Amino acid sequence: MDSMDNLPITYLSFWDVELENLPAGLFSKRVLSTAEARGILTEARSSDPLVCVSREDLAAPYGARARQRHEELCAVLHRHANIEMQLRDFFGEDCVNPSCVAKVTGRSRLLVVDCNYTLDHLGSGCSDRPEPDADTAGCRDRNDLLKMKLAPDSLQFHLFEQISDSTLKSPGLVGVA
């Protein structure tokens, strides 16, 4: 048996977990350090069982905001966690890999990257430029106040794995029938 046969498939999702992703029976959910997550993703990418999935259709014309959020998180992962991810990683041959394909089994696991957003106060504030129209300026100022940015210090990595029924119950283990 070759060593790649021993590696589980790693599914990667940004933010989202669906009930269909989780197995019936016992599974564990662990919060990983950045170094642990980087190691899992590096190993998965080098041996090719890494499948990035998305709940959103990142290719759809109406999915511009979802694409932007994914690109922002890819950039934050690169800059702050030294994890190389790109939007194209979420695409299969014909379409975006939908999150429903990610199944936690004895041979596959799900790594979910989560983070928080903060208000982007750098984008708001007064400008020295004259505004062409007072109504437009008021609307633009309100939109600036609503801008959000990813908070790199809030990055979290959650790993879901199935465990055998023979494993003793311990903290962090959840059984689903």
Protein backbone atom coordinates (compact mmCIF):
# COMPACT_ATOMS: atom_id res chain seq x y z
CA MET A 1 0.00 0.00 0.00
CA ASP A 2 1.45 3.38 -0.94
CA SER A 3 1.74 6.18 1.62
CA MET A 4 -0.81 8.37 -0.21
CA ASP A 5 -3.43 5.68 0.43
CA ASN A 6 -2.96 6.33 4.15
CA LEU A 7 -3.67 10.06 3.91
CA PRO A 8 -7.23 11.19 4.45
CA ILE A 9 -8.92 13.57 2.04
CA THR A 10 -8.91 17.02 3.55
CA TYR A 11 -11.86 19.24 2.69
CA LEU A 12 -11.40 22.96 3.30
CA SER A 13 -14.24 25.40 3.81
CA PHE A 14 -14.23 29.08 4.67
CA TRP A 15 -16.75 29.79 7.45
CA ASP A 16 -19.39 27.17 6.62
CA VAL A 17 -20.34 23.75 7.95
CA GLU A 18 -23.48 21.99 6.81
CA LEU A 19 -25.18 19.18 8.70
CA GLU A 20 -24.68 17.00 5.61
CA ASN A 21 -20.91 17.37 6.11
CA LEU A 22 -21.01 15.63 9.49
CA PRO A 23 -21.27 11.88 9.96
CA ALA A 24 -23.87 9.94 11.87
CA GLY A 25 -22.13 8.62 14.95
CA LEU A 26 -19.23 10.09 16.83
CA PHE A 27 -17.01 12.85 15.54
CA SER A 28 -14.57 15.30 17.04
CA LYS A 29 -14.15 19.00 16.52
CA ARG A 30 -10.80 20.48 17.48
CA VAL A 31 -9.48 24.01 17.25
CA LEU A 32 -6.04 23.89 15.67
CA SER A 33 -3.14 26.25 16.00
CA THR A 34 -2.08 28.10 12.89
CA ALA A 35 1.00 25.87 12.64
CA GLU A 36 -1.11 22.68 12.85
CA ALA A 37 -3.53 23.95 10.18
CA ARG A 38 -0.63 25.01 7.94
CA GLY A 39 0.90 21.54 8.32
CA ILE A 40 -2.34 19.75 7.43
CA LEU A 41 -2.93 21.96 4.39
CA THR A 42 0.67 21.71 3.20
CA GLU A 43 0.59 17.92 3.50
CA ALA A 44 -2.80 17.70 1.79
CA ARG A 45 -1.74 19.99 -1.05
CA SER A 46 1.52 18.13 -1.66
CA SER A 47 -0.16 14.73 -1.79
CA ASP A 48 -3.22 16.05 -3.69
CA PRO A 49 -6.13 15.01 -1.47
CA LEU A 50 -7.11 18.65 -0.74
CA VAL A 51 -10.58 19.69 -1.92
CA CYS A 52 -11.69 23.27 -1.23
CA VAL A 53 -15.46 23.68 -1.04
CA SER A 54 -17.85 26.62 -0.82
CA ARG A 55 -21.47 27.04 0.14
CA GLU A 56 -21.62 30.03 -2.23
CA ASP A 57 -21.46 29.77 -6.01
CA LEU A 58 -18.28 31.77 -6.46
CA ALA A 59 -18.61 31.70 -10.25
CA ALA A 60 -22.11 33.16 -10.42
CA PRO A 61 -22.53 36.76 -11.58
CA TYR A 62 -24.47 37.47 -8.36
CA GLY A 63 -21.63 35.99 -6.27
CA ALA A 64 -19.29 38.99 -6.46
CA ARG A 65 -19.42 39.63 -2.71
CA ALA A 66 -18.79 35.96 -1.88
CA ARG A 67 -15.83 35.90 -4.30
CA GLN A 68 -14.45 39.06 -2.69
CA ARG A 69 -14.77 37.61 0.82
CA HIS A 70 -12.99 34.42 -0.26
CA GLU A 71 -10.21 36.41 -1.93
CA GLU A 72 -9.82 38.56 1.20
CA LEU A 73 -9.52 35.51 3.42
CA CYS A 74 -7.00 33.93 1.03
CA ALA A 75 -4.91 37.12 1.27
CA VAL A 76 -5.13 37.19 5.08
CA LEU A 77 -4.14 33.52 5.26
CA HIS A 78 -1.12 34.24 3.09
CA ARG A 79 0.00 37.39 4.94
CA HIS A 80 -0.74 36.36 8.53
CA ALA A 81 -0.59 32.55 8.58
CA ASN A 82 1.80 31.76 5.73
CA ILE A 83 -0.89 29.55 4.16
CA GLU A 84 -1.12 29.77 0.39
CA MET A 85 -4.73 29.58 -0.82
CA GLN A 86 -6.25 31.06 -3.95
CA LEU A 87 -9.79 31.47 -5.19
CA ARG A 88 -9.14 29.00 -8.02
CA ASP A 89 -8.55 26.28 -5.39
CA PHE A 90 -12.33 26.24 -4.83
CA PHE A 91 -13.08 25.36 -8.45
CA GLY A 92 -13.28 21.85 -9.88
CA GLU A 93 -13.18 21.07 -13.58
CA ASP A 94 -16.61 22.51 -14.38
CA CYS A 95 -17.76 24.53 -11.39
CA VAL A 96 -17.15 25.54 -7.80
CA ASN A 97 -16.85 22.52 -5.50
CA PRO A 98 -20.09 22.71 -3.50
CA SER A 99 -19.83 22.29 0.26
CA CYS A 100 -22.26 19.37 0.18
CA VAL A 101 -19.54 17.14 -1.30
CA ALA A 102 -17.46 17.42 1.89
CA LYS A 103 -18.26 14.37 3.99
CA VAL A 104 -16.48 13.65 7.25
CA THR A 105 -15.73 9.93 7.22
CA GLY A 106 -13.03 7.60 8.48
CA ARG A 107 -11.05 8.56 5.34
CA SER A 108 -11.83 12.28 5.15
CA ARG A 109 -11.83 15.32 7.40
CA LEU A 110 -13.14 18.86 7.18
CA LEU A 111 -11.04 21.90 8.05
CA VAL A 112 -13.07 25.07 8.46
CA VAL A 113 -11.36 28.46 8.51
CA ASP A 114 -13.30 31.04 10.48
CA CYS A 115 -12.64 34.67 11.35
CA ASN A 116 -14.32 37.85 12.49
CA TYR A 117 -14.79 41.18 10.80
CA THR A 118 -14.19 44.63 12.24
CA LEU A 119 -15.24 48.07 11.12
CA ASP A 120 -12.73 49.56 8.73
CA HIS A 121 -12.27 53.03 10.20
CA LEU A 122 -9.48 53.80 7.73
CA GLY A 123 -11.98 53.86 4.87
CA SER A 124 -14.26 56.35 6.58
CA GLY A 125 -13.79 59.92 7.59
CA CYS A 126 -13.65 63.27 5.94
CA SER A 127 -11.96 63.90 2.67
CA ASP A 128 -10.39 67.14 1.54
CA ARG A 129 -11.81 66.67 -1.94
CA PRO A 130 -14.94 68.65 -2.77
CA GLU A 131 -18.00 66.48 -3.39
CA PRO A 132 -19.90 67.04 -6.65
CA ASP A 133 -23.31 66.46 -5.11
CA ALA A 134 -24.34 66.72 -1.46
CA ASP A 135 -26.83 63.80 -1.70
CA THR A 136 -24.21 61.54 -3.26
CA ALA A 137 -21.65 62.57 -0.64
CA GLY A 138 -24.00 61.70 2.23
CA CYS A 139 -24.69 58.27 0.76
CA ARG A 140 -20.98 57.63 0.17
CA ASP A 141 -20.14 58.63 3.77
CA ARG A 142 -22.77 56.23 5.16
CA ASN A 143 -21.40 53.40 3.00
CA ASP A 144 -17.87 54.15 4.21
CA LEU A 145 -19.05 53.79 7.80
CA LEU A 146 -20.39 50.30 7.02
CA LYS A 147 -17.17 48.92 5.49
CA MET A 148 -15.85 45.84 7.20
CA LYS A 149 -12.45 44.19 7.05
CA LEU A 150 -11.14 40.83 8.19
CA ALA A 151 -9.52 40.76 11.60
CA PRO A 152 -6.37 38.65 11.09
CA ASP A 153 -5.96 38.06 14.82
CA SER A 154 -9.35 36.32 14.86
CA LEU A 155 -8.38 33.49 12.48
CA GLN A 156 -9.47 30.10 13.78
CA PHE A 157 -9.07 26.65 12.31
CA HIS A 158 -11.66 23.98 13.20
CA LEU A 159 -10.98 20.36 12.29
CA PHE A 160 -13.86 17.88 12.12
CA GLU A 161 -12.97 14.18 12.08
CA GLN A 162 -14.99 11.00 12.50
CA ILE A 163 -13.99 8.76 15.36
CA SER A 164 -14.75 5.11 15.88
CA ASP A 165 -17.53 4.05 18.23
CA SER A 166 -14.97 2.13 20.29
CA THR A 167 -13.17 5.32 21.31
CA LEU A 168 -13.99 6.32 24.86
CA LYS A 169 -16.07 9.46 25.19
CA SER A 170 -14.04 12.44 26.23
CA PRO A 171 -14.50 16.23 26.26
CA GLY A 172 -14.91 17.63 22.76
CA LEU A 173 -16.54 14.51 21.32
CA VAL A 174 -20.06 14.76 19.99
CA GLY A 175 -22.31 11.86 19.10
CA VAL A 176 -25.01 12.23 16.47
CA ALA A 177 -27.48 9.49 15.66
